[in-house]
N, C-alpha and C. Protein backbone atom coordinates (compact mmCIF):
# COMPACT_ATOMS: atom_id res chain seq x y z
N MET A 1 0.85 -1.19 0.00
CA MET A 1 0.00 0.00 0.00
C MET A 1 0.89 1.24 0.00
N THR A 2 0.58 2.20 -0.85
CA THR A 2 1.33 3.43 -0.95
C THR A 2 0.88 4.40 0.14
N LYS A 3 1.86 5.06 0.77
CA LYS A 3 1.52 6.05 1.79
C LYS A 3 0.83 7.24 1.14
N GLN A 4 -0.19 7.75 1.78
CA GLN A 4 -0.94 8.90 1.29
C GLN A 4 -0.15 10.19 1.53
N PRO A 5 -0.37 11.21 0.72
CA PRO A 5 0.30 12.49 0.94
C PRO A 5 -0.06 13.07 2.30
N GLU A 6 0.88 13.71 2.93
CA GLU A 6 0.67 14.32 4.24
C GLU A 6 -0.25 15.53 4.10
N LYS A 7 -1.21 15.66 5.00
CA LYS A 7 -2.13 16.79 4.99
C LYS A 7 -1.76 17.84 6.04
N ILE A 8 -0.88 17.49 6.96
CA ILE A 8 -0.45 18.41 8.00
C ILE A 8 0.76 19.19 7.48
N PRO A 9 0.68 20.51 7.43
CA PRO A 9 1.81 21.28 6.91
C PRO A 9 2.98 21.32 7.89
N ALA A 10 4.16 21.54 7.37
CA ALA A 10 5.35 21.72 8.19
C ALA A 10 5.35 23.16 8.72
N GLU A 11 6.07 23.37 9.82
CA GLU A 11 6.21 24.70 10.41
C GLU A 11 7.65 25.17 10.24
N ALA A 12 7.83 26.43 9.89
CA ALA A 12 9.17 27.00 9.75
C ALA A 12 9.36 28.10 10.78
N THR A 13 10.54 28.11 11.41
CA THR A 13 10.90 29.15 12.36
C THR A 13 12.33 29.60 12.09
N ALA A 14 12.66 30.81 12.53
CA ALA A 14 14.02 31.32 12.41
C ALA A 14 14.70 31.23 13.77
N GLU A 15 15.86 30.58 13.80
CA GLU A 15 16.61 30.42 15.04
C GLU A 15 18.10 30.57 14.76
N HIS A 16 18.73 31.54 15.40
CA HIS A 16 20.18 31.73 15.32
C HIS A 16 20.67 31.83 13.87
N GLY A 17 19.93 32.54 13.03
CA GLY A 17 20.36 32.74 11.65
C GLY A 17 20.08 31.59 10.72
N GLU A 18 19.35 30.59 11.19
CA GLU A 18 18.98 29.44 10.36
C GLU A 18 17.47 29.34 10.30
N VAL A 19 16.97 28.69 9.27
CA VAL A 19 15.54 28.40 9.16
C VAL A 19 15.35 26.94 9.54
N MET A 20 14.56 26.73 10.58
CA MET A 20 14.29 25.38 11.08
C MET A 20 12.91 24.97 10.58
N ILE A 21 12.83 23.78 10.01
CA ILE A 21 11.55 23.25 9.52
C ILE A 21 11.23 22.00 10.32
N ASP A 22 10.07 22.00 10.96
CA ASP A 22 9.58 20.84 11.72
C ASP A 22 8.27 20.40 11.10
N GLY A 23 8.15 19.10 10.88
CA GLY A 23 6.94 18.60 10.25
C GLY A 23 6.49 17.29 10.86
N PRO A 24 5.46 16.72 10.28
CA PRO A 24 4.91 15.47 10.77
C PRO A 24 5.91 14.32 10.62
N ASP A 25 5.69 13.28 11.37
CA ASP A 25 6.52 12.06 11.32
C ASP A 25 7.99 12.34 11.61
N GLY A 26 8.27 13.34 12.44
CA GLY A 26 9.64 13.61 12.86
C GLY A 26 10.47 14.38 11.85
N LEU A 27 9.86 14.96 10.84
CA LEU A 27 10.60 15.74 9.86
C LEU A 27 11.29 16.91 10.57
N ALA A 28 12.59 17.04 10.40
CA ALA A 28 13.35 18.16 10.95
C ALA A 28 14.43 18.53 9.95
N LEU A 29 14.54 19.83 9.67
CA LEU A 29 15.47 20.29 8.66
C LEU A 29 15.97 21.68 9.04
N SER A 30 17.25 21.92 8.86
CA SER A 30 17.85 23.23 9.10
C SER A 30 18.43 23.73 7.79
N LEU A 31 18.04 24.95 7.40
CA LEU A 31 18.50 25.53 6.14
C LEU A 31 19.07 26.93 6.36
N THR A 32 19.98 27.33 5.48
CA THR A 32 20.41 28.72 5.48
C THR A 32 19.23 29.54 4.96
N PRO A 33 19.22 30.85 5.24
CA PRO A 33 18.14 31.67 4.70
C PRO A 33 18.01 31.58 3.18
N ASP A 34 19.15 31.57 2.47
CA ASP A 34 19.10 31.49 1.01
C ASP A 34 18.53 30.15 0.55
N ALA A 35 18.97 29.06 1.17
CA ALA A 35 18.45 27.73 0.81
C ALA A 35 16.96 27.64 1.13
N ALA A 36 16.53 28.27 2.23
CA ALA A 36 15.11 28.26 2.59
C ALA A 36 14.27 29.00 1.55
N ARG A 37 14.78 30.15 1.08
CA ARG A 37 14.05 30.90 0.04
C ARG A 37 13.93 30.09 -1.24
N GLN A 38 15.02 29.46 -1.65
CA GLN A 38 15.00 28.64 -2.87
C GLN A 38 14.06 27.45 -2.70
N THR A 39 14.08 26.83 -1.52
CA THR A 39 13.20 25.69 -1.25
C THR A 39 11.74 26.14 -1.27
N ALA A 40 11.46 27.28 -0.66
CA ALA A 40 10.09 27.80 -0.65
C ALA A 40 9.59 28.06 -2.07
N HIS A 41 10.45 28.61 -2.91
CA HIS A 41 10.08 28.87 -4.31
C HIS A 41 9.80 27.55 -5.04
N SER A 42 10.67 26.56 -4.83
CA SER A 42 10.51 25.26 -5.48
C SER A 42 9.23 24.56 -5.02
N ILE A 43 8.95 24.62 -3.72
CA ILE A 43 7.73 24.00 -3.19
C ILE A 43 6.50 24.71 -3.75
N ASP A 44 6.53 26.04 -3.80
CA ASP A 44 5.40 26.79 -4.33
C ASP A 44 5.14 26.42 -5.79
N ALA A 45 6.19 26.35 -6.59
CA ALA A 45 6.04 25.99 -8.01
C ALA A 45 5.47 24.58 -8.16
N ALA A 46 5.99 23.64 -7.37
CA ALA A 46 5.50 22.26 -7.45
C ALA A 46 4.05 22.16 -6.98
N ALA A 47 3.69 22.92 -5.94
CA ALA A 47 2.32 22.90 -5.44
C ALA A 47 1.35 23.43 -6.48
N ARG A 48 1.74 24.50 -7.17
CA ARG A 48 0.88 25.06 -8.23
C ARG A 48 0.70 24.05 -9.37
N GLU A 49 1.78 23.38 -9.74
CA GLU A 49 1.69 22.37 -10.80
C GLU A 49 0.82 21.20 -10.37
N ALA A 50 1.03 20.72 -9.15
CA ALA A 50 0.26 19.58 -8.64
C ALA A 50 -1.22 19.90 -8.52
N GLN A 51 -1.53 21.15 -8.17
CA GLN A 51 -2.92 21.56 -8.01
C GLN A 51 -3.69 21.44 -9.32
N ASP A 52 -3.00 21.58 -10.45
CA ASP A 52 -3.65 21.49 -11.76
C ASP A 52 -3.71 20.07 -12.30
N GLN A 53 -3.14 19.11 -11.58
CA GLN A 53 -3.13 17.72 -12.03
C GLN A 53 -4.26 16.94 -11.39
N PRO A 54 -4.74 15.89 -12.06
CA PRO A 54 -5.73 15.02 -11.43
C PRO A 54 -5.11 14.32 -10.22
N THR A 55 -5.90 14.07 -9.22
CA THR A 55 -5.43 13.38 -8.03
C THR A 55 -4.89 12.01 -8.40
N GLY A 56 -3.73 11.68 -7.86
CA GLY A 56 -3.12 10.39 -8.11
C GLY A 56 -2.39 10.30 -9.43
N ALA A 57 -2.21 11.42 -10.13
CA ALA A 57 -1.52 11.41 -11.42
C ALA A 57 -0.06 11.03 -11.24
N MET A 58 0.44 10.23 -12.17
CA MET A 58 1.84 9.83 -12.15
C MET A 58 2.59 10.69 -13.16
N PRO A 59 3.91 10.84 -12.96
CA PRO A 59 4.70 11.59 -13.94
C PRO A 59 4.57 10.97 -15.33
N SER A 60 4.63 11.81 -16.36
CA SER A 60 4.43 11.31 -17.72
C SER A 60 5.59 10.44 -18.19
N ASP A 61 6.76 10.57 -17.59
CA ASP A 61 7.92 9.77 -17.99
C ASP A 61 7.91 8.45 -17.22
N ASN A 62 7.31 7.43 -17.80
CA ASN A 62 7.25 6.13 -17.14
C ASN A 62 7.91 5.06 -18.00
N ARG A 63 8.98 5.43 -18.69
CA ARG A 63 9.65 4.50 -19.58
C ARG A 63 10.18 3.27 -18.84
N ARG A 64 10.64 3.44 -17.60
CA ARG A 64 11.17 2.29 -16.87
C ARG A 64 10.09 1.23 -16.65
N ASP A 65 8.85 1.68 -16.41
CA ASP A 65 7.76 0.73 -16.18
C ASP A 65 7.36 0.01 -17.45
N SER A 66 7.49 0.67 -18.61
CA SER A 66 7.02 0.06 -19.85
C SER A 66 8.13 -0.68 -20.59
N ASP A 67 9.36 -0.59 -20.12
CA ASP A 67 10.48 -1.26 -20.80
C ASP A 67 10.50 -2.73 -20.41
N THR A 68 10.12 -3.58 -21.34
CA THR A 68 10.08 -5.02 -21.06
C THR A 68 11.20 -5.76 -21.76
N THR A 69 12.11 -5.01 -22.39
CA THR A 69 13.19 -5.66 -23.13
C THR A 69 14.33 -6.08 -22.23
N GLY A 70 14.34 -5.53 -20.99
CA GLY A 70 15.39 -5.91 -20.06
C GLY A 70 16.70 -5.21 -20.30
N GLY A 71 16.71 -4.18 -21.12
CA GLY A 71 17.97 -3.65 -21.36
C GLY A 71 18.24 -2.31 -21.70
């Protein structure tokens, strides 16, 4: 069974010049301010793209799954 997407958002705080991210299931991450900004931009872009996709959609590149030649 595939794990379902998490519905509980992560929390971000600033501590000692770092961005700390705490999330469900023990998620913990420390980022520099620049890395946090880039991550936030990437997450926002991915969320916008995912919002326009049907639920449960798989990436269009599934060549590995359809390759039955073994090679």
